[in-house]
Amino acid sequence: MSSILLRKIAYLGGMIFLISLISFFAIHLAPNSFLSAGELNPNITQETIEHLKKIYGLDKPLWEQYLSWLWAMMHLDFGVSFASGKPVIVEIKERLGVTLGINIVSMAIIFGISFYLGIRSALKEGSWFDTVVRQLSLVSFSMPSFYLALLLIIFLSVKLGLFPIAGLHSLEPKEGLAYYLDLAWHLVLPIFVVVFVGFGTLTQYIRSLTLDILKSDYIFFAKARGVEQKDIVTYFIIPNLKPPIITMLGLSLPGIIGGSVILESIFSINGMGLLFYQAALARDYPVIMGILIITAFLTLLGNMLADLALMRLNPYMRD
């Protein structure tokens, strides 16, 4: 098991290196830059631009810039943001918690709802409940997140005034329990959007897997022996759903940051998604690279943890 873990860690490191190499050169070869004339100030002189390039190290050859950045990145130093002047790692720390919090809560709700609806829909195949679940899943699968977010803001926030339009906190500062209640109230709509858009695909996936399990011989013999439905779910269906669900959970980690760009921009949530959007518009190379590496690391880490969990469940996969 330890040798497998070492191989996977080596694979993770190699993939991070390749992703950083491709991303770094692709970003820097794009037209224009943060220091393009007129981007900072329409009256900026060419001499000032050259001086800033020297300060940020952009006057060096691209390969030398990459090696310097790679060495710093290995020490968890992603450089300094061109736009704010803060260290990139500080900006990421300030915003990562918000994005992780929203998406982890949303994923927990999505998996809980999908488990219940998927299994129950399969057990009641052909019933009105199954029909309603399949139709809701279809709406969920086809609903763009930005469109749903705008609809909720217009009707529930602007017209009815039930929820805040944007942000994480009210204008009036709150303390103690009121602070966290206010934060939760601001996150109702963003979390609802993530859950509604995300539960449909997973629900249908679990429903399909459950239907295949219900057609198995051991389910037939269990029913013939008079095993109750709740015991069939507990001892036969759920254990067989664990491997594919663990795989799905590992593949869901990249969306924690990638799927937050549009949502955080619409709701003005000061998280990683909004930070990436602002950095892309400003061509803030250090911030873009920092977020890309964090996202790639989460993707690879999710896959590695999913593989290790599957090996734990199935010893035959340890070869």
Protein backbone atom coordinates (compact mmCIF):
# COMPACT_ATOMS: atom_id res chain seq x y z
CA MET A 1 0.00 0.00 0.00
CA SER A 2 2.85 2.37 0.81
CA SER A 3 4.47 1.78 -2.60
CA ILE A 4 1.17 2.57 -4.31
CA LEU A 5 0.87 5.77 -2.29
CA LEU A 6 4.42 6.81 -3.23
CA ARG A 7 3.72 6.15 -6.92
CA LYS A 8 0.57 8.24 -6.77
CA ILE A 9 2.35 11.10 -5.01
CA ALA A 10 5.09 10.99 -7.68
CA TYR A 11 2.40 11.01 -10.38
CA LEU A 12 0.72 13.99 -8.71
CA GLY A 13 4.01 15.90 -8.63
CA GLY A 14 4.76 15.11 -12.28
CA MET A 15 1.31 16.21 -13.42
CA ILE A 16 1.55 19.44 -11.43
CA PHE A 17 4.85 20.17 -13.19
CA LEU A 18 3.40 19.54 -16.66
CA ILE A 19 0.27 21.57 -15.95
CA SER A 20 2.33 24.47 -14.61
CA LEU A 21 4.63 24.36 -17.64
CA ILE A 22 1.81 24.41 -20.19
CA SER A 23 -0.25 26.98 -18.28
CA PHE A 24 2.66 29.35 -17.71
CA PHE A 25 3.70 29.54 -21.35
CA ALA A 26 0.10 29.63 -22.64
CA ILE A 27 -0.78 32.56 -20.37
CA HIS A 28 2.35 34.56 -21.18
CA LEU A 29 2.05 33.97 -24.93
CA ALA A 30 -1.46 35.47 -24.99
CA PRO A 31 -1.69 38.93 -26.61
CA ASN A 32 -1.31 42.00 -24.37
CA SER A 33 -0.31 41.96 -20.73
CA PHE A 34 -0.92 43.72 -17.45
CA LEU A 35 1.74 46.27 -18.40
CA SER A 36 0.43 46.97 -21.91
CA ALA A 37 0.32 50.66 -22.67
CA GLY A 38 -2.95 52.13 -21.48
CA GLU A 39 -3.88 49.24 -19.21
CA LEU A 40 -2.59 50.86 -16.03
CA ASN A 41 -2.84 54.50 -17.03
CA PRO A 42 -3.44 56.03 -20.47
CA ASN A 43 -0.72 58.60 -19.73
CA ILE A 44 1.92 56.08 -18.66
CA THR A 45 5.27 56.41 -20.43
CA GLN A 46 7.25 53.64 -22.08
CA GLU A 47 10.11 54.25 -19.66
CA THR A 48 7.79 53.60 -16.72
CA ILE A 49 6.53 50.40 -18.34
CA GLU A 50 10.08 49.15 -18.84
CA HIS A 51 10.90 49.98 -15.22
CA LEU A 52 7.85 48.03 -14.00
CA LYS A 53 8.79 45.07 -16.18
CA LYS A 54 12.20 45.02 -14.55
CA ILE A 55 10.64 45.14 -11.07
CA TYR A 56 8.29 42.24 -11.82
CA GLY A 57 10.95 40.27 -13.71
CA LEU A 58 9.04 40.42 -17.00
CA ASP A 59 12.11 41.69 -18.86
CA LYS A 60 13.80 38.28 -18.57
CA PRO A 61 13.44 35.45 -21.13
CA LEU A 62 10.26 33.43 -20.68
CA TRP A 63 12.10 30.22 -19.74
CA GLU A 64 14.02 32.06 -17.04
CA GLN A 65 10.80 33.56 -15.68
CA TYR A 66 9.29 30.07 -15.50
CA LEU A 67 12.24 28.54 -13.68
CA SER A 68 12.20 31.37 -11.14
CA TRP A 69 8.47 30.98 -10.65
CA LEU A 70 8.74 27.17 -10.38
CA TRP A 71 11.43 27.39 -7.72
CA ALA A 72 9.36 29.87 -5.73
CA MET A 73 6.21 27.77 -6.19
CA MET A 74 7.98 24.73 -4.74
CA HIS A 75 8.35 26.84 -1.58
CA LEU A 76 4.65 27.80 -1.70
CA ASP A 77 5.52 31.28 -2.94
CA PHE A 78 3.33 32.20 -5.92
CA GLY A 79 4.72 35.71 -6.23
CA VAL A 80 3.05 39.08 -5.78
CA SER A 81 -0.18 40.19 -7.40
CA PHE A 82 0.35 42.87 -10.04
CA ALA A 83 -3.02 44.46 -9.27
CA SER A 84 -3.06 44.59 -5.45
CA GLY A 85 0.61 44.24 -4.55
CA LYS A 86 -0.24 41.53 -2.02
CA PRO A 87 1.42 38.10 -2.01
CA VAL A 88 -0.69 35.70 -4.09
CA ILE A 89 -0.74 33.11 -1.32
CA VAL A 90 -2.27 35.73 1.02
CA GLU A 91 -5.00 36.59 -1.50
CA ILE A 92 -5.78 32.91 -2.01
CA LYS A 93 -5.94 32.26 1.76
CA GLU A 94 -8.32 35.20 2.22
CA ARG A 95 -10.76 33.86 -0.38
CA LEU A 96 -10.29 30.11 -0.43
CA GLY A 97 -12.32 29.54 2.74
CA VAL A 98 -15.44 31.20 1.29
CA THR A 99 -15.35 29.17 -1.91
CA LEU A 100 -14.60 25.89 -0.13
CA GLY A 101 -17.33 26.54 2.43
CA ILE A 102 -20.02 27.24 -0.17
CA ASN A 103 -19.13 24.30 -2.38
CA ILE A 104 -18.53 21.73 0.36
CA VAL A 105 -21.93 22.51 1.91
CA SER A 106 -23.51 22.41 -1.55
CA MET A 107 -21.86 19.08 -2.39
CA ALA A 108 -23.00 17.54 0.89
CA ILE A 109 -26.58 18.62 0.16
CA ILE A 110 -26.37 17.44 -3.45
CA PHE A 111 -25.11 13.98 -2.49
CA GLY A 112 -27.71 13.66 0.27
CA ILE A 113 -30.61 14.64 -2.00
CA SER A 114 -29.34 12.58 -4.93
CA PHE A 115 -28.87 9.48 -2.78
CA TYR A 116 -32.40 9.66 -1.44
CA LEU A 117 -34.14 10.59 -4.70
CA GLY A 118 -32.07 8.24 -6.88
CA ILE A 119 -32.59 5.14 -4.74
CA ARG A 120 -36.25 5.87 -3.99
CA SER A 121 -36.97 6.62 -7.65
CA ALA A 122 -35.41 3.30 -8.71
CA LEU A 123 -37.38 1.39 -6.07
CA LYS A 124 -40.59 3.01 -7.33
CA GLU A 125 -39.77 2.76 -11.06
CA GLY A 126 -42.73 3.78 -13.20
CA SER A 127 -44.63 5.49 -10.35
CA TRP A 128 -45.62 9.17 -10.16
CA PHE A 129 -42.69 9.75 -7.79
CA ASP A 130 -40.25 8.35 -10.35
CA THR A 131 -41.77 10.53 -13.08
CA VAL A 132 -41.51 13.69 -10.97
CA VAL A 133 -37.89 12.94 -10.04
CA ARG A 134 -36.90 12.32 -13.67
CA GLN A 135 -38.56 15.55 -14.82
CA LEU A 136 -36.92 17.57 -12.05
CA SER A 137 -33.57 16.01 -12.92
CA LEU A 138 -34.05 16.99 -16.55
CA VAL A 139 -34.81 20.59 -15.56
CA SER A 140 -31.78 20.60 -13.25
CA PHE A 141 -29.49 19.19 -15.94
CA SER A 142 -30.59 21.73 -18.56
CA MET A 143 -30.75 24.83 -16.30
CA PRO A 144 -27.81 27.26 -16.72
CA SER A 145 -26.56 28.38 -13.33
CA PHE A 146 -26.22 32.05 -14.33
CA TYR A 147 -29.80 32.15 -15.65
CA LEU A 148 -31.24 30.60 -12.49
CA ALA A 149 -29.16 32.96 -10.34
CA LEU A 150 -30.46 36.01 -12.20
CA LEU A 151 -34.07 34.79 -11.95
CA LEU A 152 -33.77 34.29 -8.20
CA ILE A 153 -32.18 37.72 -7.72
CA ILE A 154 -34.89 39.44 -9.76
CA PHE A 155 -37.89 37.75 -8.13
CA LEU A 156 -36.77 36.87 -4.59
CA SER A 157 -34.35 39.72 -3.92
CA VAL A 158 -35.39 42.73 -6.02
CA LYS A 159 -39.17 42.30 -6.22
CA LEU A 160 -39.98 40.46 -2.99
CA GLY A 161 -37.00 41.53 -0.91
CA LEU A 162 -36.76 38.15 0.79
CA PHE A 163 -33.01 37.62 0.32
CA PRO A 164 -29.96 39.90 -0.09
CA ILE A 165 -29.02 40.75 -3.67
CA ALA A 166 -25.27 40.19 -3.35
CA GLY A 167 -22.32 40.00 -0.99
CA LEU A 168 -21.73 38.02 2.20
CA HIS A 169 -22.72 40.54 4.87
CA SER A 170 -25.20 43.33 5.45
CA LEU A 171 -24.10 46.97 5.45
CA GLU A 172 -24.71 47.18 9.18
CA PRO A 173 -21.97 45.22 11.00
CA LYS A 174 -23.17 42.37 13.20
CA GLU A 175 -21.47 40.44 15.98
CA GLY A 176 -21.73 37.04 17.62
CA LEU A 177 -24.49 34.71 16.48
CA ALA A 178 -26.13 37.47 14.40
CA TYR A 179 -22.96 37.63 12.28
CA TYR A 180 -23.18 33.96 11.28
CA LEU A 181 -26.95 34.09 10.77
CA ASP A 182 -26.49 37.08 8.47
CA LEU A 183 -23.76 35.20 6.58
CA ALA A 184 -26.00 32.13 6.21
CA TRP A 185 -28.88 34.29 4.97
CA HIS A 186 -26.65 35.79 2.26
CA LEU A 187 -25.58 32.30 1.15
CA VAL A 188 -29.06 30.81 0.75
CA LEU A 189 -29.46 31.77 -2.91
CA PRO A 190 -25.90 30.87 -4.06
CA ILE A 191 -26.07 27.48 -2.37
CA PHE A 192 -29.57 26.84 -3.75
CA VAL A 193 -28.32 27.56 -7.29
CA VAL A 194 -25.38 25.16 -6.92
CA VAL A 195 -27.59 22.43 -5.45
CA PHE A 196 -30.40 22.75 -7.99
CA VAL A 197 -28.07 22.76 -10.99
CA GLY A 198 -25.97 19.91 -9.62
CA PHE A 199 -28.39 17.34 -8.20
CA GLY A 200 -30.06 16.25 -11.47
CA THR A 201 -27.13 14.47 -13.11
CA LEU A 202 -26.09 12.68 -9.92
CA THR A 203 -29.67 11.65 -9.13
CA GLN A 204 -30.09 10.01 -12.53
CA TYR A 205 -26.69 8.35 -12.21
CA ILE A 206 -27.61 6.84 -8.83
CA ARG A 207 -31.04 5.83 -10.14
CA SER A 208 -29.45 4.03 -13.09
CA LEU A 209 -26.93 2.24 -10.87
CA THR A 210 -29.67 1.22 -8.42
CA LEU A 211 -31.82 -0.20 -11.22
CA ASP A 212 -28.88 -2.33 -12.37
CA ILE A 213 -28.34 -3.57 -8.81
CA LEU A 214 -32.04 -4.42 -8.43
CA LYS A 215 -31.79 -6.67 -11.49
CA SER A 216 -28.97 -8.72 -9.92
CA ASP A 217 -29.47 -12.35 -8.90
CA TYR A 218 -28.61 -11.77 -5.26
CA ILE A 219 -31.40 -9.16 -5.00
CA PHE A 220 -33.82 -11.69 -6.50
CA PHE A 221 -32.83 -14.35 -3.96
CA ALA A 222 -32.94 -11.81 -1.11
CA LYS A 223 -36.51 -10.90 -2.04
CA ALA A 224 -37.38 -14.60 -2.37
CA ARG A 225 -36.16 -15.14 1.19
CA GLY A 226 -38.44 -12.37 2.41
CA VAL A 227 -35.78 -9.73 3.12
CA GLU A 228 -37.47 -6.38 3.71
CA GLN A 229 -36.91 -3.47 1.35
CA LYS A 230 -35.11 -1.32 3.94
CA ASP A 231 -32.64 -4.17 4.57
CA ILE A 232 -32.10 -4.59 0.83
CA VAL A 233 -31.24 -0.89 0.62
CA THR A 234 -28.96 -1.00 3.68
CA TYR A 235 -27.07 -4.24 3.02
CA PHE A 236 -27.16 -4.61 -0.77
CA ILE A 237 -27.79 -1.35 -2.60
CA ILE A 238 -25.78 1.20 -0.59
CA PRO A 239 -22.59 -0.96 -0.32
CA ASN A 240 -22.65 -1.50 -4.10
CA LEU A 241 -23.13 2.22 -4.71
CA LYS A 242 -20.07 3.21 -2.68
CA PRO A 243 -17.34 2.65 -5.34
CA PRO A 244 -18.94 4.67 -8.17
CA ILE A 245 -20.07 7.39 -5.76
CA ILE A 246 -16.57 7.74 -4.33
CA THR A 247 -15.28 8.12 -7.89
CA MET A 248 -17.89 10.79 -8.60
CA LEU A 249 -16.95 12.59 -5.39
CA GLY A 250 -13.29 12.68 -6.41
CA LEU A 251 -14.17 14.05 -9.85
CA SER A 252 -16.35 16.74 -8.26
CA LEU A 253 -13.47 18.48 -6.50
CA PRO A 254 -12.29 20.50 -9.56
CA GLY A 255 -15.70 22.14 -9.76
CA ILE A 256 -15.22 23.60 -6.29
CA ILE A 257 -13.22 26.45 -7.80
CA GLY A 258 -13.90 26.20 -11.53
CA GLY A 259 -17.67 26.29 -11.13
CA SER A 260 -17.53 29.30 -8.81
CA VAL A 261 -16.32 31.87 -11.34
CA ILE A 262 -19.74 32.76 -12.78
CA LEU A 263 -21.70 32.29 -9.57
CA GLU A 264 -19.39 34.41 -7.42
CA SER A 265 -19.31 37.11 -10.08
CA ILE A 266 -23.13 37.32 -10.19
CA PHE A 267 -23.58 37.34 -6.41
CA SER A 268 -20.45 39.48 -5.78
CA ILE A 269 -19.03 36.88 -3.41
CA ASN A 270 -15.42 37.61 -2.58
CA GLY A 271 -14.13 34.09 -3.23
CA MET A 272 -11.69 32.28 -5.48
CA GLY A 273 -14.01 32.37 -8.49
CA LEU A 274 -14.34 36.14 -8.43
CA LEU A 275 -10.61 36.49 -7.79
CA PHE A 276 -9.83 34.39 -10.86
CA TYR A 277 -12.27 36.40 -12.98
CA GLN A 278 -10.74 39.70 -11.90
CA ALA A 279 -7.20 38.38 -12.41
CA ALA A 280 -8.04 37.16 -15.92
CA LEU A 281 -9.45 40.56 -16.89
CA ALA A 282 -6.40 42.34 -15.47
CA ARG A 283 -3.96 39.74 -16.88
CA ASP A 284 -2.55 39.32 -13.38
CA TYR A 285 -0.21 36.40 -14.19
CA PRO A 286 0.86 35.42 -10.64
CA VAL A 287 -2.75 35.22 -9.38
CA ILE A 288 -3.91 33.27 -12.44
CA MET A 289 -1.08 30.78 -12.09
CA GLY A 290 -1.65 30.42 -8.35
CA ILE A 291 -5.34 29.62 -8.80
CA LEU A 292 -4.65 27.23 -11.69
CA ILE A 293 -2.13 25.30 -9.64
CA ILE A 294 -4.48 25.12 -6.64
CA THR A 295 -7.28 23.86 -8.93
CA ALA A 296 -5.01 21.30 -10.57
CA PHE A 297 -3.80 20.12 -7.17
CA LEU A 298 -7.39 19.68 -5.94
CA THR A 299 -8.25 17.75 -9.10
CA LEU A 300 -5.34 15.36 -8.80
CA LEU A 301 -5.73 15.06 -5.03
CA GLY A 302 -9.41 14.20 -5.45
CA ASN A 303 -8.60 11.48 -7.96
CA MET A 304 -5.84 10.09 -5.74
CA LEU A 305 -8.03 10.00 -2.64
CA ALA A 306 -10.83 8.36 -4.64
CA ASP A 307 -8.42 5.66 -5.88
CA LEU A 308 -7.11 5.02 -2.36
CA ALA A 309 -10.65 4.80 -1.00
CA LEU A 310 -11.60 2.33 -3.73
CA MET A 311 -8.53 0.23 -2.91
CA ARG A 312 -9.62 0.23 0.70
CA LEU A 313 -13.05 -1.06 -0.30
CA ASN A 314 -11.74 -3.52 -2.88
CA PRO A 315 -8.43 -5.27 -1.97
CA TYR A 316 -8.19 -6.77 -5.48
CA MET A 317 -7.40 -3.28 -6.84
CA ARG A 318 -4.13 -3.12 -4.87
CA ASP A 319 -2.12 -5.09 -7.41
